[in-house]
Amino acid sequence: MTKWVRKQMRVVGRVQGVGFRYFTQRQAGRLGIVGYVRNLSNGDVEIDAAGSIEDMQIFQNLIQKGPTGARVQELMAQILPLQNLSESFDIRYF
C-alpha cells in the first residue's frame, strides 16, 4: 500500500472570486485526493487534503500555481494525523 499523508494548507493571495475552490476540487479528483477546500472570512483559502505522498506533492505544486486569474502569494502547509478522512473531496461553504 502506498504511504499517505494529510496536510492542512492555507493559501494567501488573490484566491477568492477566481474559481480557486473549483480548480482545487478538480485537481484533487484527478489525483484521488480526499478532503475539502473552503474560503475563509479573511480572504484566504483553507485546504484539508490527504493522498499518497507523490500525489500530494503534485497537488501542492498545482495549488501553488492556482487557476488562471489567481495569484498565490503564500502557501503554508502543516502535516495532520491520518484520521477522520473524507471519502471524497468537497467544497465547503462555511
C-alpha atoms as a PDB file:
ATOM      1  CA  MET A   1       0.000   0.000   0.000  1.00  0.00           C
ATOM      2  CA  THR A   2       1.213   3.475  -0.836  1.00  0.00           C
ATOM      3  CA  LYS A   3       2.006   5.666   2.148  1.00  0.00           C
ATOM      4  CA  TRP A   4      -0.439   8.547   2.626  1.00  0.00           C
ATOM      5  CA  VAL A   5      -0.047  11.995   4.097  1.00  0.00           C
ATOM      6  CA  ARG A   6      -2.614  14.550   5.244  1.00  0.00           C
ATOM      7  CA  LYS A   7      -1.967  18.280   5.075  1.00  0.00           C
ATOM      8  CA  GLN A   8      -3.822  21.387   6.070  1.00  0.00           C
ATOM      9  CA  MET A   9      -2.915  24.245   3.737  1.00  0.00           C
ATOM     10  CA  ARG A  10      -3.660  27.934   3.878  1.00  0.00           C
ATOM     11  CA  VAL A  11      -3.421  29.771   0.574  1.00  0.00           C
ATOM     12  CA  VAL A  12      -2.889  33.535   0.699  1.00  0.00           C
ATOM     13  CA  GLY A  13      -3.242  35.978  -2.188  1.00  0.00           C
ATOM     14  CA  ARG A  14      -5.862  36.622  -4.837  1.00  0.00           C
ATOM     15  CA  VAL A  15      -7.589  33.297  -4.307  1.00  0.00           C
ATOM     16  CA  GLN A  16     -11.272  34.148  -3.869  1.00  0.00           C
ATOM     17  CA  GLY A  17     -13.583  35.029  -6.743  1.00  0.00           C
ATOM     18  CA  VAL A  18     -11.281  33.384  -9.315  1.00  0.00           C
ATOM     19  CA  GLY A  19     -12.567  29.773  -9.278  1.00  0.00           C
ATOM     20  CA  PHE A  20      -9.877  28.604  -6.873  1.00  0.00           C
ATOM     21  CA  ARG A  21     -12.102  26.166  -4.933  1.00  0.00           C
ATOM     22  CA  TYR A  22     -13.413  24.560  -8.119  1.00  0.00           C
ATOM     23  CA  PHE A  23      -9.877  24.294  -9.524  1.00  0.00           C
ATOM     24  CA  THR A  24      -8.753  22.671  -6.272  1.00  0.00           C
ATOM     25  CA  GLN A  25     -11.632  20.175  -6.310  1.00  0.00           C
ATOM     26  CA  ARG A  26     -10.911  19.203  -9.947  1.00  0.00           C
ATOM     27  CA  GLN A  27      -7.205  18.642  -9.265  1.00  0.00           C
ATOM     28  CA  ALA A  28      -7.957  16.603  -6.133  1.00  0.00           C
ATOM     29  CA  GLY A  29     -10.427  14.423  -8.044  1.00  0.00           C
ATOM     30  CA  ARG A  30      -7.941  13.836 -10.817  1.00  0.00           C
ATOM     31  CA  LEU A  31      -5.278  12.737  -8.309  1.00  0.00           C
ATOM     32  CA  GLY A  32      -7.510  10.684  -5.995  1.00  0.00           C
ATOM     33  CA  ILE A  33      -7.084  13.093  -3.081  1.00  0.00           C
ATOM     34  CA  VAL A  34      -9.758  13.357  -0.377  1.00  0.00           C
ATOM     35  CA  GLY A  35     -10.654  16.266   1.896  1.00  0.00           C
ATOM     36  CA  TYR A  36     -12.131  19.715   1.444  1.00  0.00           C
ATOM     37  CA  VAL A  37     -11.488  23.301   0.390  1.00  0.00           C
ATOM     38  CA  ARG A  38     -13.211  26.403   1.732  1.00  0.00           C
ATOM     39  CA  ASN A  39     -12.964  30.179   1.669  1.00  0.00           C
ATOM     40  CA  LEU A  40     -12.034  31.906   4.914  1.00  0.00           C
ATOM     41  CA  SER A  41     -13.518  35.219   6.010  1.00  0.00           C
ATOM     42  CA  ASN A  42     -10.118  36.964   5.784  1.00  0.00           C
ATOM     43  CA  GLY A  43      -9.802  36.239   2.031  1.00  0.00           C
ATOM     44  CA  ASP A  44      -7.554  33.166   2.334  1.00  0.00           C
ATOM     45  CA  VAL A  45      -8.452  29.633   1.249  1.00  0.00           C
ATOM     46  CA  GLU A  46      -8.107  26.602   3.529  1.00  0.00           C
ATOM     47  CA  ILE A  47      -7.483  23.118   2.197  1.00  0.00           C
ATOM     48  CA  ASP A  48      -7.504  19.897   4.212  1.00  0.00           C
ATOM     49  CA  ALA A  49      -6.313  17.107   1.927  1.00  0.00           C
ATOM     50  CA  ALA A  50      -4.996  13.563   2.107  1.00  0.00           C
ATOM     51  CA  GLY A  51      -3.491  11.300  -0.513  1.00  0.00           C
ATOM     52  CA  SER A  52      -0.358   9.432  -1.449  1.00  0.00           C
ATOM     53  CA  ILE A  53       2.873  11.317  -0.767  1.00  0.00           C
ATOM     54  CA  GLU A  54       3.573  11.543  -4.505  1.00  0.00           C
ATOM     55  CA  ASP A  55       0.085  12.767  -5.432  1.00  0.00           C
ATOM     56  CA  MET A  56       0.059  15.276  -2.570  1.00  0.00           C
ATOM     57  CA  GLN A  57       3.328  16.782  -3.844  1.00  0.00           C
ATOM     58  CA  ILE A  58       1.828  17.170  -7.331  1.00  0.00           C
ATOM     59  CA  PHE A  59      -1.357  18.618  -5.787  1.00  0.00           C
ATOM     60  CA  GLN A  60       0.570  21.140  -3.679  1.00  0.00           C
ATOM     61  CA  ASN A  61       2.560  22.262  -6.738  1.00  0.00           C
ATOM     62  CA  LEU A  62      -0.689  22.768  -8.695  1.00  0.00           C
ATOM     63  CA  ILE A  63      -2.241  24.708  -5.799  1.00  0.00           C
ATOM     64  CA  GLN A  64       0.865  26.912  -5.618  1.00  0.00           C
ATOM     65  CA  LYS A  65       0.167  27.979  -9.226  1.00  0.00           C
ATOM     66  CA  GLY A  66      -3.647  28.080  -8.967  1.00  0.00           C
ATOM     67  CA  PRO A  67      -6.113  28.681 -11.801  1.00  0.00           C
ATOM     68  CA  THR A  68      -5.892  31.467 -14.353  1.00  0.00           C
ATOM     69  CA  GLY A  69      -6.723  34.719 -12.589  1.00  0.00           C
ATOM     70  CA  ALA A  70      -5.440  33.619  -9.202  1.00  0.00           C
ATOM     71  CA  ARG A  71      -2.257  34.967  -7.665  1.00  0.00           C
ATOM     72  CA  VAL A  72      -0.888  32.823  -4.851  1.00  0.00           C
ATOM     73  CA  GLN A  73       1.395  34.880  -2.637  1.00  0.00           C
ATOM     74  CA  GLU A  74       1.978  32.257   0.027  1.00  0.00           C
ATOM     75  CA  LEU A  75       1.089  28.643   0.700  1.00  0.00           C
ATOM     76  CA  MET A  76       1.543  27.405   4.254  1.00  0.00           C
ATOM     77  CA  ALA A  77       1.191  23.690   4.966  1.00  0.00           C
ATOM     78  CA  GLN A  78       1.278  21.535   8.042  1.00  0.00           C
ATOM     79  CA  ILE A  79       1.006  17.780   8.366  1.00  0.00           C
ATOM     80  CA  LEU A  80      -2.017  16.445  10.253  1.00  0.00           C
ATOM     81  CA  PRO A  81      -2.760  12.965  11.636  1.00  0.00           C
ATOM     82  CA  LEU A  82      -4.306  10.494   9.191  1.00  0.00           C
ATOM     83  CA  GLN A  83      -7.673  10.268  10.951  1.00  0.00           C
ATOM     84  CA  ASN A  84     -11.294  11.163  10.210  1.00  0.00           C
ATOM     85  CA  LEU A  85     -10.595  11.223   6.461  1.00  0.00           C
ATOM     86  CA  SER A  86     -13.319  12.049   3.966  1.00  0.00           C
ATOM     87  CA  GLU A  87     -14.225   9.652   1.184  1.00  0.00           C
ATOM     88  CA  SER A  88     -14.331  12.446  -1.412  1.00  0.00           C
ATOM     89  CA  PHE A  89     -13.061  15.982  -1.947  1.00  0.00           C
ATOM     90  CA  ASP A  90     -15.686  18.626  -1.263  1.00  0.00           C
ATOM     91  CA  ILE A  91     -16.149  22.365  -1.429  1.00  0.00           C
ATOM     92  CA  ARG A  92     -17.364  23.635   1.924  1.00  0.00           C
ATOM     93  CA  TYR A  93     -19.388  26.815   2.199  1.00  0.00           C
ATOM     94  CA  PHE A  94     -18.915  27.549   5.907  1.00  0.00           C
END
